[in-house]
Amino acid sequence: MSTSTSTYTVTGMTCGHCVSAVSEEVGALPGVTEVHVDLPTGAVTVTSETRLDDAAVAAAVEEAGYELAGR
């Protein structure tokens, strides 16, 4: 089985709670197997069973109360 890894930049995160909120929402997307959030850079690396729809990731990030950079 192949996996897909994508990295996004999330703006507005300032603390551990932010990291948890983003990890939880993105991690709930179908097929997601791992989420790693780097608070200092805002980088969110997502590993999934198949390529994720960027709009779905953006919606999950927005549900957590943040935005993807460049949107």
Protein backbone atom coordinates (compact mmCIF):
# COMPACT_ATOMS: atom_id res chain seq x y z
CA MET A 1 0.00 0.00 0.00
CA SER A 2 1.38 3.39 -0.91
CA THR A 3 0.94 6.49 1.19
CA SER A 4 0.88 10.17 0.39
CA THR A 5 2.56 12.89 2.42
CA SER A 6 1.69 16.57 2.03
CA THR A 7 2.86 19.62 3.95
CA TYR A 8 0.74 22.71 4.50
CA THR A 9 1.41 25.97 6.32
CA VAL A 10 -1.18 26.99 8.90
CA THR A 11 -1.36 30.56 10.17
CA GLY A 12 -2.49 31.73 13.58
CA MET A 13 -1.29 28.89 15.79
CA THR A 14 0.35 30.14 18.99
CA CYS A 15 0.26 27.31 21.55
CA GLY A 16 -0.07 23.63 22.28
CA HIS A 17 -3.87 23.87 22.25
CA CYS A 18 -3.66 25.20 18.67
CA VAL A 19 -1.52 22.22 17.68
CA SER A 20 -3.99 19.80 19.29
CA ALA A 21 -7.00 21.40 17.60
CA VAL A 22 -5.43 21.29 14.14
CA SER A 23 -4.11 17.75 14.66
CA GLU A 24 -7.53 16.52 15.77
CA GLU A 25 -9.49 18.06 12.90
CA VAL A 26 -7.03 17.11 10.15
CA GLY A 27 -6.53 13.66 11.69
CA ALA A 28 -10.27 13.02 11.43
CA LEU A 29 -10.19 13.26 7.63
CA PRO A 30 -10.79 9.92 5.90
CA GLY A 31 -7.56 8.07 5.13
CA VAL A 32 -5.28 10.20 7.33
CA THR A 33 -2.80 8.03 9.20
CA GLU A 34 -0.51 10.65 10.78
CA VAL A 35 -0.43 14.39 11.43
CA HIS A 36 2.68 16.26 12.58
CA VAL A 37 2.41 19.94 13.48
CA ASP A 38 5.49 22.13 13.92
CA LEU A 39 4.31 25.11 15.97
CA PRO A 40 7.26 27.49 15.33
CA THR A 41 6.96 27.23 11.53
CA GLY A 42 3.25 26.46 11.22
CA ALA A 43 4.08 23.44 9.05
CA VAL A 44 1.51 20.65 9.14
CA THR A 45 2.68 17.40 7.57
CA VAL A 46 -0.10 14.94 6.81
CA THR A 47 0.40 11.30 5.87
CA SER A 48 -2.59 9.55 4.34
CA GLU A 49 -3.53 6.37 2.52
CA THR A 50 -4.31 8.34 -0.64
CA ARG A 51 -3.71 11.90 -1.84
CA LEU A 52 -5.84 14.32 0.16
CA ASP A 53 -8.05 16.97 -1.36
CA ASP A 54 -6.49 20.33 -0.44
CA ALA A 55 -9.96 21.83 0.01
CA ALA A 56 -10.82 19.15 2.59
CA VAL A 57 -7.61 19.91 4.50
CA ALA A 58 -8.36 23.64 4.36
CA ALA A 59 -11.89 23.01 5.67
CA ALA A 60 -10.55 20.91 8.56
CA VAL A 61 -8.01 23.60 9.46
CA GLU A 62 -10.74 26.25 9.33
CA GLU A 63 -12.96 24.08 11.54
CA ALA A 64 -10.13 24.15 14.09
CA GLY A 65 -10.15 27.96 13.88
CA TYR A 66 -7.12 28.58 11.68
CA GLU A 67 -6.28 29.11 8.01
CA LEU A 68 -3.93 27.64 5.47
CA ALA A 69 -1.38 30.21 4.31
CA GLY A 70 -2.04 31.51 0.83
CA ARG A 71 -5.81 31.03 0.94
